[in-house]
Amino acid sequence: MKTLMFGEFPESVRRSWGVPWSAAREREFRAMLALVSVGSRLVPERLRMIPEARAALAI
């Protein structure tokens, strides 16, 4: 979970917060992003949003 959470922050922020980051962790983060991207395309659109969001967008 930390990888996904801290992966979006710039290196300078991670460094100032004392979050260890390595090339291996960066690869893990990129792989997780790819997995989420592919996974989200496999889930039907009507299930990707909570009902309130769908209602607000009139989908």
PDB file of N, CA and C in Angstrom:
ATOM      1  N   MET A   1       0.813  -1.185   0.000  1.00  0.00           N
ATOM      2  CA  MET A   1       0.000   0.000   0.000  1.00  0.00           C
ATOM      3  C   MET A   1       0.864   1.258   0.000  1.00  0.00           C
ATOM      4  N   LYS A   2       1.960   1.223   0.740  1.00  0.00           N
ATOM      5  CA  LYS A   2       2.848   2.382   0.781  1.00  0.00           C
ATOM      6  C   LYS A   2       3.411   2.691  -0.597  1.00  0.00           C
ATOM      7  N   THR A   3       3.670   1.655  -1.355  1.00  0.00           N
ATOM      8  CA  THR A   3       4.220   1.865  -2.690  1.00  0.00           C
ATOM      9  C   THR A   3       3.262   2.679  -3.538  1.00  0.00           C
ATOM     10  N   LEU A   4       1.988   2.340  -3.521  1.00  0.00           N
ATOM     11  CA  LEU A   4       1.005   3.106  -4.290  1.00  0.00           C
ATOM     12  C   LEU A   4       0.839   4.518  -3.733  1.00  0.00           C
ATOM     13  N   MET A   5       0.830   4.625  -2.426  1.00  0.00           N
ATOM     14  CA  MET A   5       0.608   5.923  -1.802  1.00  0.00           C
ATOM     15  C   MET A   5       1.762   6.890  -2.075  1.00  0.00           C
ATOM     16  N   PHE A   6       2.989   6.437  -1.862  1.00  0.00           N
ATOM     17  CA  PHE A   6       4.138   7.330  -2.000  1.00  0.00           C
ATOM     18  C   PHE A   6       4.677   7.415  -3.417  1.00  0.00           C
ATOM     19  N   GLY A   7       4.288   6.501  -4.264  1.00  0.00           N
ATOM     20  CA  GLY A   7       4.803   6.494  -5.631  1.00  0.00           C
ATOM     21  C   GLY A   7       4.442   7.726  -6.432  1.00  0.00           C
ATOM     22  N   GLU A   8       3.323   8.335  -6.132  1.00  0.00           N
ATOM     23  CA  GLU A   8       2.872   9.515  -6.866  1.00  0.00           C
ATOM     24  C   GLU A   8       3.589  10.792  -6.439  1.00  0.00           C
ATOM     25  N   PHE A   9       4.229  10.764  -5.291  1.00  0.00           N
ATOM     26  CA  PHE A   9       4.926  11.959  -4.819  1.00  0.00           C
ATOM     27  C   PHE A   9       6.267  12.123  -5.510  1.00  0.00           C
ATOM     28  N   PRO A  10       6.698  13.360  -5.701  1.00  0.00           N
ATOM     29  CA  PRO A  10       8.036  13.578  -6.276  1.00  0.00           C
ATOM     30  C   PRO A  10       9.111  13.045  -5.332  1.00  0.00           C
ATOM     31  N   GLU A  11      10.250  12.706  -5.892  1.00  0.00           N
ATOM     32  CA  GLU A  11      11.366  12.172  -5.110  1.00  0.00           C
ATOM     33  C   GLU A  11      11.738  13.118  -3.967  1.00  0.00           C
ATOM     34  N   SER A  12      11.705  14.414  -4.217  1.00  0.00           N
ATOM     35  CA  SER A  12      12.083  15.379  -3.176  1.00  0.00           C
ATOM     36  C   SER A  12      11.154  15.287  -1.962  1.00  0.00           C
ATOM     37  N   VAL A  13       9.881  15.039  -2.185  1.00  0.00           N
ATOM     38  CA  VAL A  13       8.929  14.903  -1.080  1.00  0.00           C
ATOM     39  C   VAL A  13       9.193  13.609  -0.326  1.00  0.00           C
ATOM     40  N   ARG A  14       9.365  12.517  -1.062  1.00  0.00           N
ATOM     41  CA  ARG A  14       9.664  11.239  -0.399  1.00  0.00           C
ATOM     42  C   ARG A  14      10.931  11.351   0.436  1.00  0.00           C
ATOM     43  N   ARG A  15      11.944  12.014  -0.097  1.00  0.00           N
ATOM     44  CA  ARG A  15      13.217  12.173   0.619  1.00  0.00           C
ATOM     45  C   ARG A  15      13.012  13.007   1.891  1.00  0.00           C
ATOM     46  N   SER A  16      12.265  14.113   1.781  1.00  0.00           N
ATOM     47  CA  SER A  16      12.063  14.969   2.958  1.00  0.00           C
ATOM     48  C   SER A  16      11.228  14.264   4.034  1.00  0.00           C
ATOM     49  N   TRP A  17      10.355  13.355   3.632  1.00  0.00           N
ATOM     50  CA  TRP A  17       9.560  12.597   4.591  1.00  0.00           C
ATOM     51  C   TRP A  17      10.282  11.347   5.094  1.00  0.00           C
ATOM     52  N   GLY A  18      11.451  11.075   4.533  1.00  0.00           N
ATOM     53  CA  GLY A  18      12.218   9.916   4.970  1.00  0.00           C
ATOM     54  C   GLY A  18      11.678   8.591   4.452  1.00  0.00           C
ATOM     55  N   VAL A  19      11.003   8.630   3.304  1.00  0.00           N
ATOM     56  CA  VAL A  19      10.455   7.408   2.710  1.00  0.00           C
ATOM     57  C   VAL A  19      11.525   6.772   1.827  1.00  0.00           C
ATOM     58  N   PRO A  20      11.953   5.563   2.186  1.00  0.00           N
ATOM     59  CA  PRO A  20      12.958   4.904   1.336  1.00  0.00           C
ATOM     60  C   PRO A  20      12.373   4.553  -0.026  1.00  0.00           C
ATOM     61  N   TRP A  21      13.132   4.819  -1.075  1.00  0.00           N
ATOM     62  CA  TRP A  21      12.682   4.540  -2.438  1.00  0.00           C
ATOM     63  C   TRP A  21      13.856   4.022  -3.230  1.00  0.00           C
ATOM     64  N   SER A  22      13.628   3.017  -4.025  1.00  0.00           N
ATOM     65  CA  SER A  22      14.695   2.417  -4.819  1.00  0.00           C
ATOM     66  C   SER A  22      14.189   2.164  -6.229  1.00  0.00           C
ATOM     67  N   ALA A  23      15.110   1.756  -7.087  1.00  0.00           N
ATOM     68  CA  ALA A  23      14.719   1.416  -8.459  1.00  0.00           C
ATOM     69  C   ALA A  23      13.740   0.244  -8.453  1.00  0.00           C
ATOM     70  N   ALA A  24      13.950  -0.706  -7.560  1.00  0.00           N
ATOM     71  CA  ALA A  24      13.041  -1.856  -7.464  1.00  0.00           C
ATOM     72  C   ALA A  24      11.652  -1.414  -7.018  1.00  0.00           C
ATOM     73  N   ARG A  25      11.596  -0.484  -6.091  1.00  0.00           N
ATOM     74  CA  ARG A  25      10.293   0.002  -5.635  1.00  0.00           C
ATOM     75  C   ARG A  25       9.592   0.788  -6.739  1.00  0.00           C
ATOM     76  N   GLU A  26      10.370   1.529  -7.517  1.00  0.00           N
ATOM     77  CA  GLU A  26       9.801   2.267  -8.650  1.00  0.00           C
ATOM     78  C   GLU A  26       9.219   1.294  -9.680  1.00  0.00           C
ATOM     79  N   ARG A  27       9.931   0.199  -9.954  1.00  0.00           N
ATOM     80  CA  ARG A  27       9.412  -0.817 -10.882  1.00  0.00           C
ATOM     81  C   ARG A  27       8.130  -1.442 -10.344  1.00  0.00           C
ATOM     82  N   GLU A  28       8.108  -1.704  -9.052  1.00  0.00           N
ATOM     83  CA  GLU A  28       6.910  -2.266  -8.422  1.00  0.00           C
ATOM     84  C   GLU A  28       5.740  -1.288  -8.572  1.00  0.00           C
ATOM     85  N   PHE A  29       5.994  -0.012  -8.348  1.00  0.00           N
ATOM     86  CA  PHE A  29       4.961   1.013  -8.480  1.00  0.00           C
ATOM     87  C   PHE A  29       4.431   1.058  -9.910  1.00  0.00           C
ATOM     88  N   ARG A  30       5.322   1.059 -10.887  1.00  0.00           N
ATOM     89  CA  ARG A  30       4.902   1.098 -12.297  1.00  0.00           C
ATOM     90  C   ARG A  30       4.099  -0.147 -12.674  1.00  0.00           C
ATOM     91  N   ALA A  31       4.488  -1.295 -12.148  1.00  0.00           N
ATOM     92  CA  ALA A  31       3.755  -2.538 -12.416  1.00  0.00           C
ATOM     93  C   ALA A  31       2.350  -2.477 -11.813  1.00  0.00           C
ATOM     94  N   MET A  32       2.236  -1.909 -10.615  1.00  0.00           N
ATOM     95  CA  MET A  32       0.921  -1.767  -9.985  1.00  0.00           C
ATOM     96  C   MET A  32       0.026  -0.842 -10.802  1.00  0.00           C
ATOM     97  N   LEU A  33       0.584   0.249 -11.303  1.00  0.00           N
ATOM     98  CA  LEU A  33      -0.195   1.164 -12.140  1.00  0.00           C
ATOM     99  C   LEU A  33      -0.697   0.462 -13.393  1.00  0.00           C
ATOM    100  N   ALA A  34       0.165  -0.338 -14.005  1.00  0.00           N
ATOM    101  CA  ALA A  34      -0.230  -1.067 -15.204  1.00  0.00           C
ATOM    102  C   ALA A  34      -1.342  -2.063 -14.886  1.00  0.00           C
ATOM    103  N   LEU A  35      -1.226  -2.737 -13.759  1.00  0.00           N
ATOM    104  CA  LEU A  35      -2.240  -3.702 -13.354  1.00  0.00           C
ATOM    105  C   LEU A  35      -3.588  -3.017 -13.114  1.00  0.00           C
ATOM    106  N   VAL A  36      -3.577  -1.879 -12.441  1.00  0.00           N
ATOM    107  CA  VAL A  36      -4.812  -1.136 -12.196  1.00  0.00           C
ATOM    108  C   VAL A  36      -5.418  -0.676 -13.516  1.00  0.00           C
ATOM    109  N   SER A  37      -4.575  -0.236 -14.430  1.00  0.00           N
ATOM    110  CA  SER A  37      -5.059   0.230 -15.727  1.00  0.00           C
ATOM    111  C   SER A  37      -5.755  -0.891 -16.493  1.00  0.00           C
ATOM    112  N   VAL A  38      -5.124  -2.028 -16.552  1.00  0.00           N
ATOM    113  CA  VAL A  38      -5.718  -3.177 -17.255  1.00  0.00           C
ATOM    114  C   VAL A  38      -6.959  -3.663 -16.513  1.00  0.00           C
ATOM    115  N   GLY A  39      -6.857  -3.750 -15.195  1.00  0.00           N
ATOM    116  CA  GLY A  39      -7.983  -4.235 -14.402  1.00  0.00           C
ATOM    117  C   GLY A  39      -9.212  -3.363 -14.530  1.00  0.00           C
ATOM    118  N   SER A  40      -9.000  -2.054 -14.587  1.00  0.00           N
ATOM    119  CA  SER A  40     -10.152  -1.159 -14.678  1.00  0.00           C
ATOM    120  C   SER A  40     -10.888  -1.308 -16.005  1.00  0.00           C
ATOM    121  N   ARG A  41     -10.165  -1.694 -17.050  1.00  0.00           N
ATOM    122  CA  ARG A  41     -10.821  -1.917 -18.338  1.00  0.00           C
ATOM    123  C   ARG A  41     -11.620  -3.202 -18.357  1.00  0.00           C
ATOM    124  N   LEU A  42     -11.305  -4.127 -17.461  1.00  0.00           N
ATOM    125  CA  LEU A  42     -12.015  -5.398 -17.405  1.00  0.00           C
ATOM    126  C   LEU A  42     -13.310  -5.315 -16.594  1.00  0.00           C
ATOM    127  N   VAL A  43     -13.399  -4.315 -15.728  1.00  0.00           N
ATOM    128  CA  VAL A  43     -14.594  -4.143 -14.897  1.00  0.00           C
ATOM    129  C   VAL A  43     -15.628  -3.354 -15.701  1.00  0.00           C
ATOM    130  N   PRO A  44     -16.863  -3.824 -15.744  1.00  0.00           N
ATOM    131  CA  PRO A  44     -17.892  -3.079 -16.481  1.00  0.00           C
ATOM    132  C   PRO A  44     -18.013  -1.641 -15.966  1.00  0.00           C
ATOM    133  N   GLU A  45     -18.269  -0.726 -16.876  1.00  0.00           N
ATOM    134  CA  GLU A  45     -18.308   0.699 -16.534  1.00  0.00           C
ATOM    135  C   GLU A  45     -19.288   0.997 -15.398  1.00  0.00           C
ATOM    136  N   ARG A  46     -20.435   0.332 -15.396  1.00  0.00           N
ATOM    137  CA  ARG A  46     -21.432   0.616 -14.368  1.00  0.00           C
ATOM    138  C   ARG A  46     -20.960   0.229 -12.972  1.00  0.00           C
ATOM    139  N   LEU A  47     -19.943  -0.634 -12.891  1.00  0.00           N
ATOM    140  CA  LEU A  47     -19.422  -1.054 -11.586  1.00  0.00           C
ATOM    141  C   LEU A  47     -18.213  -0.231 -11.147  1.00  0.00           C
ATOM    142  N   ARG A  48     -17.702   0.624 -12.011  1.00  0.00           N
ATOM    143  CA  ARG A  48     -16.516   1.415 -11.674  1.00  0.00           C
ATOM    144  C   ARG A  48     -16.825   2.601 -10.784  1.00  0.00           C
ATOM    145  N   MET A  49     -18.092   3.008 -10.716  1.00  0.00           N
ATOM    146  CA  MET A  49     -18.478   4.165  -9.914  1.00  0.00           C
ATOM    147  C   MET A  49     -19.500   3.766  -8.873  1.00  0.00           C
ATOM    148  N   ILE A  50     -19.495   4.507  -7.761  1.00  0.00           N
ATOM    149  CA  ILE A  50     -20.531   4.287  -6.763  1.00  0.00           C
ATOM    150  C   ILE A  50     -21.838   4.837  -7.317  1.00  0.00           C
ATOM    151  N   PRO A  51     -22.981   4.307  -6.850  1.00  0.00           N
ATOM    152  CA  PRO A  51     -24.273   4.728  -7.408  1.00  0.00           C
ATOM    153  C   PRO A  51     -24.494   6.242  -7.391  1.00  0.00           C
ATOM    154  N   GLU A  52     -24.050   6.919  -6.333  1.00  0.00           N
ATOM    155  CA  GLU A  52     -24.248   8.360  -6.239  1.00  0.00           C
ATOM    156  C   GLU A  52     -23.501   9.096  -7.340  1.00  0.00           C
ATOM    157  N   ALA A  53     -22.318   8.638  -7.674  1.00  0.00           N
ATOM    158  CA  ALA A  53     -21.547   9.275  -8.752  1.00  0.00           C
ATOM    159  C   ALA A  53     -22.228   9.056 -10.090  1.00  0.00           C
ATOM    160  N   ARG A  54     -22.715   7.835 -10.313  1.00  0.00           N
ATOM    161  CA  ARG A  54     -23.419   7.560 -11.574  1.00  0.00           C
ATOM    162  C   ARG A  54     -24.672   8.433 -11.691  1.00  0.00           C
ATOM    163  N   ALA A  55     -25.402   8.577 -10.574  1.00  0.00           N
ATOM    164  CA  ALA A  55     -26.612   9.406 -10.593  1.00  0.00           C
ATOM    165  C   ALA A  55     -26.285  10.867 -10.881  1.00  0.00           C
ATOM    166  N   ALA A  56     -25.207  11.356 -10.296  1.00  0.00           N
ATOM    167  CA  ALA A  56     -24.821  12.751 -10.492  1.00  0.00           C
ATOM    168  C   ALA A  56     -24.446  13.001 -11.948  1.00  0.00           C
ATOM    169  N   LEU A  57     -23.856  12.000 -12.588  1.00  0.00           N
ATOM    170  CA  LEU A  57     -23.458  12.132 -13.989  1.00  0.00           C
ATOM    171  C   LEU A  57     -24.562  11.670 -14.931  1.00  0.00           C
ATOM    172  N   ALA A  58     -25.650  11.192 -14.376  1.00  0.00           N
ATOM    173  CA  ALA A  58     -26.781  10.683 -15.162  1.00  0.00           C
ATOM    174  C   ALA A  58     -26.364   9.600 -16.145  1.00  0.00           C
ATOM    175  N   ILE A  59     -25.566   8.652 -15.640  1.00  0.00           N
ATOM    176  CA  ILE A  59     -25.108   7.527 -16.467  1.00  0.00           C
ATOM    177  C   ILE A  59     -26.065   6.368 -16.277  1.00  0.00           C
TER     178      ILE A  59
END
